[in-house]
Amino acid sequence: MKVVVDMNKCQDHGQCVFAAPDVFSLDDGGHLAYVSDPDDALREEVEEAADVCPLQAIRIEA
């Protein structure tokens, strides 16, 4: 699984951090950081993160 975040859309709301904290985080500056190739066991959390993103900036690729 590959996670892609459109950083031009992302406004660092952080909803993904709550949904999938093992994949998404906010850095010291409050900007999104993420693991682009998380373990497939985290797919459900990543899908939830993509669903709750208010700007739909998260995409999951096979």
PDB file of N, CA and C in Angstrom:
ATOM      1  N   MET A   1       0.840  -1.169   0.000  1.00  0.00           N
ATOM      2  CA  MET A   1       0.000   0.000   0.000  1.00  0.00           C
ATOM      3  C   MET A   1       0.891   1.240   0.000  1.00  0.00           C
ATOM      4  N   LYS A   2       0.482   2.205  -0.785  1.00  0.00           N
ATOM      5  CA  LYS A   2       1.202   3.471  -0.831  1.00  0.00           C
ATOM      6  C   LYS A   2       0.224   4.596  -0.498  1.00  0.00           C
ATOM      7  N   VAL A   3       0.647   5.488   0.384  1.00  0.00           N
ATOM      8  CA  VAL A   3      -0.170   6.629   0.775  1.00  0.00           C
ATOM      9  C   VAL A   3       0.394   7.867   0.091  1.00  0.00           C
ATOM     10  N   VAL A   4      -0.493   8.623  -0.540  1.00  0.00           N
ATOM     11  CA  VAL A   4      -0.105   9.857  -1.205  1.00  0.00           C
ATOM     12  C   VAL A   4      -0.972  10.982  -0.654  1.00  0.00           C
ATOM     13  N   VAL A   5      -0.334  12.053  -0.212  1.00  0.00           N
ATOM     14  CA  VAL A   5      -1.066  13.219   0.285  1.00  0.00           C
ATOM     15  C   VAL A   5      -0.774  14.389  -0.648  1.00  0.00           C
ATOM     16  N   ASP A   6      -1.822  14.989  -1.164  1.00  0.00           N
ATOM     17  CA  ASP A   6      -1.678  16.181  -1.996  1.00  0.00           C
ATOM     18  C   ASP A   6      -1.412  17.358  -1.055  1.00  0.00           C
ATOM     19  N   MET A   7      -0.146  17.707  -0.924  1.00  0.00           N
ATOM     20  CA  MET A   7       0.242  18.753   0.021  1.00  0.00           C
ATOM     21  C   MET A   7      -0.239  20.136  -0.418  1.00  0.00           C
ATOM     22  N   ASN A   8      -0.673  20.260  -1.675  1.00  0.00           N
ATOM     23  CA  ASN A   8      -1.262  21.517  -2.121  1.00  0.00           C
ATOM     24  C   ASN A   8      -2.688  21.670  -1.591  1.00  0.00           C
ATOM     25  N   LYS A   9      -3.349  20.541  -1.345  1.00  0.00           N
ATOM     26  CA  LYS A   9      -4.704  20.558  -0.778  1.00  0.00           C
ATOM     27  C   LYS A   9      -4.676  20.561   0.749  1.00  0.00           C
ATOM     28  N   CYS A  10      -3.740  19.819   1.334  1.00  0.00           N
ATOM     29  CA  CYS A  10      -3.681  19.633   2.787  1.00  0.00           C
ATOM     30  C   CYS A  10      -3.514  20.973   3.496  1.00  0.00           C
ATOM     31  N   GLN A  11      -4.358  21.182   4.503  1.00  0.00           N
ATOM     32  CA  GLN A  11      -4.251  22.398   5.314  1.00  0.00           C
ATOM     33  C   GLN A  11      -3.939  22.068   6.772  1.00  0.00           C
ATOM     34  N   ASP A  12      -3.390  20.899   7.007  1.00  0.00           N
ATOM     35  CA  ASP A  12      -2.913  20.478   8.330  1.00  0.00           C
ATOM     36  C   ASP A  12      -3.997  20.501   9.402  1.00  0.00           C
ATOM     37  N   HIS A  13      -5.217  20.084   9.030  1.00  0.00           N
ATOM     38  CA  HIS A  13      -6.296  20.004  10.018  1.00  0.00           C
ATOM     39  C   HIS A  13      -6.020  18.923  11.060  1.00  0.00           C
ATOM     40  N   GLY A  14      -5.341  17.861  10.647  1.00  0.00           N
ATOM     41  CA  GLY A  14      -4.931  16.815  11.584  1.00  0.00           C
ATOM     42  C   GLY A  14      -5.947  15.730  11.851  1.00  0.00           C
ATOM     43  N   GLN A  15      -7.051  15.698  11.123  1.00  0.00           N
ATOM     44  CA  GLN A  15      -8.042  14.642  11.342  1.00  0.00           C
ATOM     45  C   GLN A  15      -7.445  13.269  11.052  1.00  0.00           C
ATOM     46  N   CYS A  16      -6.544  13.200  10.101  1.00  0.00           N
ATOM     47  CA  CYS A  16      -5.896  11.928   9.766  1.00  0.00           C
ATOM     48  C   CYS A  16      -5.024  11.427  10.918  1.00  0.00           C
ATOM     49  N   VAL A  17      -4.468  12.351  11.674  1.00  0.00           N
ATOM     50  CA  VAL A  17      -3.612  11.977  12.807  1.00  0.00           C
ATOM     51  C   VAL A  17      -4.425  11.211  13.850  1.00  0.00           C
ATOM     52  N   PHE A  18      -5.658  11.645  14.079  1.00  0.00           N
ATOM     53  CA  PHE A  18      -6.521  10.955  15.041  1.00  0.00           C
ATOM     54  C   PHE A  18      -6.963   9.596  14.514  1.00  0.00           C
ATOM     55  N   ALA A  19      -7.196   9.499  13.210  1.00  0.00           N
ATOM     56  CA  ALA A  19      -7.680   8.252  12.608  1.00  0.00           C
ATOM     57  C   ALA A  19      -6.571   7.213  12.456  1.00  0.00           C
ATOM     58  N   ALA A  20      -5.359   7.664  12.131  1.00  0.00           N
ATOM     59  CA  ALA A  20      -4.250   6.725  11.886  1.00  0.00           C
ATOM     60  C   ALA A  20      -2.942   7.295  12.435  1.00  0.00           C
ATOM     61  N   PRO A  21      -2.809   7.321  13.762  1.00  0.00           N
ATOM     62  CA  PRO A  21      -1.618   7.927  14.376  1.00  0.00           C
ATOM     63  C   PRO A  21      -0.303   7.197  14.082  1.00  0.00           C
ATOM     64  N   ASP A  22      -0.384   5.945  13.629  1.00  0.00           N
ATOM     65  CA  ASP A  22       0.839   5.221  13.284  1.00  0.00           C
ATOM     66  C   ASP A  22       1.360   5.620  11.901  1.00  0.00           C
ATOM     67  N   VAL A  23       0.540   6.349  11.149  1.00  0.00           N
ATOM     68  CA  VAL A  23       0.910   6.730   9.789  1.00  0.00           C
ATOM     69  C   VAL A  23       1.078   8.244   9.649  1.00  0.00           C
ATOM     70  N   PHE A  24       0.181   8.998  10.291  1.00  0.00           N
ATOM     71  CA  PHE A  24       0.174  10.452  10.156  1.00  0.00           C
ATOM     72  C   PHE A  24       0.536  11.129  11.470  1.00  0.00           C
ATOM     73  N   SER A  25       1.239  12.254  11.367  1.00  0.00           N
ATOM     74  CA  SER A  25       1.576  13.042  12.548  1.00  0.00           C
ATOM     75  C   SER A  25       1.743  14.498  12.127  1.00  0.00           C
ATOM     76  N   LEU A  26       1.755  15.370  13.108  1.00  0.00           N
ATOM     77  CA  LEU A  26       2.046  16.776  12.851  1.00  0.00           C
ATOM     78  C   LEU A  26       3.429  17.052  13.410  1.00  0.00           C
ATOM     79  N   ASP A  27       4.277  17.696  12.623  1.00  0.00           N
ATOM     80  CA  ASP A  27       5.632  17.993  13.082  1.00  0.00           C
ATOM     81  C   ASP A  27       5.622  19.178  14.047  1.00  0.00           C
ATOM     82  N   ASP A  28       6.787  19.571  14.511  1.00  0.00           N
ATOM     83  CA  ASP A  28       6.883  20.659  15.487  1.00  0.00           C
ATOM     84  C   ASP A  28       6.320  21.970  14.962  1.00  0.00           C
ATOM     85  N   GLY A  29       6.282  22.131  13.649  1.00  0.00           N
ATOM     86  CA  GLY A  29       5.740  23.341  13.043  1.00  0.00           C
ATOM     87  C   GLY A  29       4.248  23.242  12.761  1.00  0.00           C
ATOM     88  N   GLY A  30       3.650  22.090  13.128  1.00  0.00           N
ATOM     89  CA  GLY A  30       2.224  21.905  12.908  1.00  0.00           C
ATOM     90  C   GLY A  30       1.866  21.446  11.504  1.00  0.00           C
ATOM     91  N   HIS A  31       2.869  20.976  10.756  1.00  0.00           N
ATOM     92  CA  HIS A  31       2.637  20.523   9.388  1.00  0.00           C
ATOM     93  C   HIS A  31       2.585  19.004   9.334  1.00  0.00           C
ATOM     94  N   LEU A  32       1.813  18.500   8.407  1.00  0.00           N
ATOM     95  CA  LEU A  32       1.616  17.063   8.289  1.00  0.00           C
ATOM     96  C   LEU A  32       2.897  16.337   7.875  1.00  0.00           C
ATOM     97  N   ALA A  33       3.152  15.228   8.552  1.00  0.00           N
ATOM     98  CA  ALA A  33       4.209  14.292   8.184  1.00  0.00           C
ATOM     99  C   ALA A  33       3.532  12.927   8.117  1.00  0.00           C
ATOM    100  N   TYR A  34       3.993  12.056   7.225  1.00  0.00           N
ATOM    101  CA  TYR A  34       3.344  10.750   7.116  1.00  0.00           C
ATOM    102  C   TYR A  34       4.299   9.704   6.554  1.00  0.00           C
ATOM    103  N   VAL A  35       3.936   8.457   6.792  1.00  0.00           N
ATOM    104  CA  VAL A  35       4.687   7.310   6.278  1.00  0.00           C
ATOM    105  C   VAL A  35       4.065   6.970   4.924  1.00  0.00           C
ATOM    106  N   SER A  36       4.836   7.055   3.863  1.00  0.00           N
ATOM    107  CA  SER A  36       4.278   6.842   2.526  1.00  0.00           C
ATOM    108  C   SER A  36       4.045   5.372   2.179  1.00  0.00           C
ATOM    109  N   ASP A  37       4.703   4.473   2.906  1.00  0.00           N
ATOM    110  CA  ASP A  37       4.526   3.039   2.626  1.00  0.00           C
ATOM    111  C   ASP A  37       4.290   2.255   3.920  1.00  0.00           C
ATOM    112  N   PRO A  38       3.155   2.513   4.577  1.00  0.00           N
ATOM    113  CA  PRO A  38       2.873   1.822   5.838  1.00  0.00           C
ATOM    114  C   PRO A  38       2.555   0.343   5.618  1.00  0.00           C
ATOM    115  N   ASP A  39       2.633  -0.404   6.685  1.00  0.00           N
ATOM    116  CA  ASP A  39       2.300  -1.823   6.663  1.00  0.00           C
ATOM    117  C   ASP A  39       0.839  -2.003   6.242  1.00  0.00           C
ATOM    118  N   ASP A  40       0.566  -3.024   5.465  1.00  0.00           N
ATOM    119  CA  ASP A  40      -0.802  -3.292   5.005  1.00  0.00           C
ATOM    120  C   ASP A  40      -1.770  -3.537   6.159  1.00  0.00           C
ATOM    121  N   ALA A  41      -1.259  -3.918   7.316  1.00  0.00           N
ATOM    122  CA  ALA A  41      -2.117  -4.135   8.482  1.00  0.00           C
ATOM    123  C   ALA A  41      -2.797  -2.832   8.932  1.00  0.00           C
ATOM    124  N   LEU A  42      -2.266  -1.698   8.483  1.00  0.00           N
ATOM    125  CA  LEU A  42      -2.825  -0.396   8.866  1.00  0.00           C
ATOM    126  C   LEU A  42      -3.817   0.137   7.827  1.00  0.00           C
ATOM    127  N   ARG A  43      -4.151  -0.667   6.833  1.00  0.00           N
ATOM    128  CA  ARG A  43      -5.012  -0.203   5.744  1.00  0.00           C
ATOM    129  C   ARG A  43      -6.340   0.368   6.246  1.00  0.00           C
ATOM    130  N   GLU A  44      -6.989  -0.293   7.171  1.00  0.00           N
ATOM    131  CA  GLU A  44      -8.287   0.180   7.656  1.00  0.00           C
ATOM    132  C   GLU A  44      -8.160   1.575   8.278  1.00  0.00           C
ATOM    133  N   GLU A  45      -7.117   1.786   9.068  1.00  0.00           N
ATOM    134  CA  GLU A  45      -6.896   3.102   9.676  1.00  0.00           C
ATOM    135  C   GLU A  45      -6.617   4.158   8.609  1.00  0.00           C
ATOM    136  N   VAL A  46      -5.828   3.809   7.612  1.00  0.00           N
ATOM    137  CA  VAL A  46      -5.496   4.757   6.555  1.00  0.00           C
ATOM    138  C   VAL A  46      -6.743   5.100   5.734  1.00  0.00           C
ATOM    139  N   GLU A  47      -7.576   4.101   5.467  1.00  0.00           N
ATOM    140  CA  GLU A  47      -8.822   4.361   4.746  1.00  0.00           C
ATOM    141  C   GLU A  47      -9.715   5.313   5.541  1.00  0.00           C
ATOM    142  N   GLU A  48      -9.775   5.124   6.847  1.00  0.00           N
ATOM    143  CA  GLU A  48     -10.551   6.013   7.708  1.00  0.00           C
ATOM    144  C   GLU A  48      -9.975   7.426   7.657  1.00  0.00           C
ATOM    145  N   ALA A  49      -8.658   7.535   7.691  1.00  0.00           N
ATOM    146  CA  ALA A  49      -8.006   8.848   7.617  1.00  0.00           C
ATOM    147  C   ALA A  49      -8.355   9.552   6.310  1.00  0.00           C
ATOM    148  N   ALA A  50      -8.340   8.808   5.214  1.00  0.00           N
ATOM    149  CA  ALA A  50      -8.695   9.386   3.919  1.00  0.00           C
ATOM    150  C   ALA A  50     -10.147   9.852   3.921  1.00  0.00           C
ATOM    151  N   ASP A  51     -11.016   9.066   4.550  1.00  0.00           N
ATOM    152  CA  ASP A  51     -12.440   9.415   4.613  1.00  0.00           C
ATOM    153  C   ASP A  51     -12.694  10.668   5.430  1.00  0.00           C
ATOM    154  N   VAL A  52     -11.970  10.847   6.521  1.00  0.00           N
ATOM    155  CA  VAL A  52     -12.244  11.992   7.403  1.00  0.00           C
ATOM    156  C   VAL A  52     -11.510  13.260   6.998  1.00  0.00           C
ATOM    157  N   CYS A  53     -10.624  13.181   6.027  1.00  0.00           N
ATOM    158  CA  CYS A  53      -9.896  14.377   5.582  1.00  0.00           C
ATOM    159  C   CYS A  53     -10.895  15.371   4.990  1.00  0.00           C
ATOM    160  N   PRO A  54     -11.003  16.565   5.600  1.00  0.00           N
ATOM    161  CA  PRO A  54     -12.001  17.528   5.110  1.00  0.00           C
ATOM    162  C   PRO A  54     -11.744  18.012   3.686  1.00  0.00           C
ATOM    163  N   LEU A  55     -10.503  17.890   3.218  1.00  0.00           N
ATOM    164  CA  LEU A  55     -10.183  18.366   1.871  1.00  0.00           C
ATOM    165  C   LEU A  55      -9.913  17.221   0.900  1.00  0.00           C
ATOM    166  N   GLN A  56     -10.116  15.980   1.381  1.00  0.00           N
ATOM    167  CA  GLN A  56      -9.902  14.790   0.546  1.00  0.00           C
ATOM    168  C   GLN A  56      -8.530  14.814  -0.117  1.00  0.00           C
ATOM    169  N   ALA A  57      -7.518  15.126   0.684  1.00  0.00           N
ATOM    170  CA  ALA A  57      -6.148  15.237   0.185  1.00  0.00           C
ATOM    171  C   ALA A  57      -5.368  13.927   0.220  1.00  0.00           C
ATOM    172  N   ILE A  58      -5.954  12.880   0.817  1.00  0.00           N
ATOM    173  CA  ILE A  58      -5.254  11.610   0.990  1.00  0.00           C
ATOM    174  C   ILE A  58      -5.747  10.593  -0.030  1.00  0.00           C
ATOM    175  N   ARG A  59      -4.790   9.943  -0.697  1.00  0.00           N
ATOM    176  CA  ARG A  59      -5.111   8.914  -1.681  1.00  0.00           C
ATOM    177  C   ARG A  59      -4.333   7.650  -1.325  1.00  0.00           C
ATOM    178  N   ILE A  60      -4.968   6.508  -1.494  1.00  0.00           N
ATOM    179  CA  ILE A  60      -4.329   5.223  -1.219  1.00  0.00           C
ATOM    180  C   ILE A  60      -4.152   4.492  -2.547  1.00  0.00           C
ATOM    181  N   GLU A  61      -2.938   4.049  -2.802  1.00  0.00           N
ATOM    182  CA  GLU A  61      -2.648   3.282  -4.015  1.00  0.00           C
ATOM    183  C   GLU A  61      -2.277   1.870  -3.609  1.00  0.00           C
ATOM    184  N   ALA A  62      -2.544   0.932  -4.486  1.00  0.00           N
ATOM    185  CA  ALA A  62      -2.251  -0.472  -4.201  1.00  0.00           C
ATOM    186  C   ALA A  62      -0.795  -0.682  -4.058  1.00  0.00           C
TER     187      ALA A  62
END
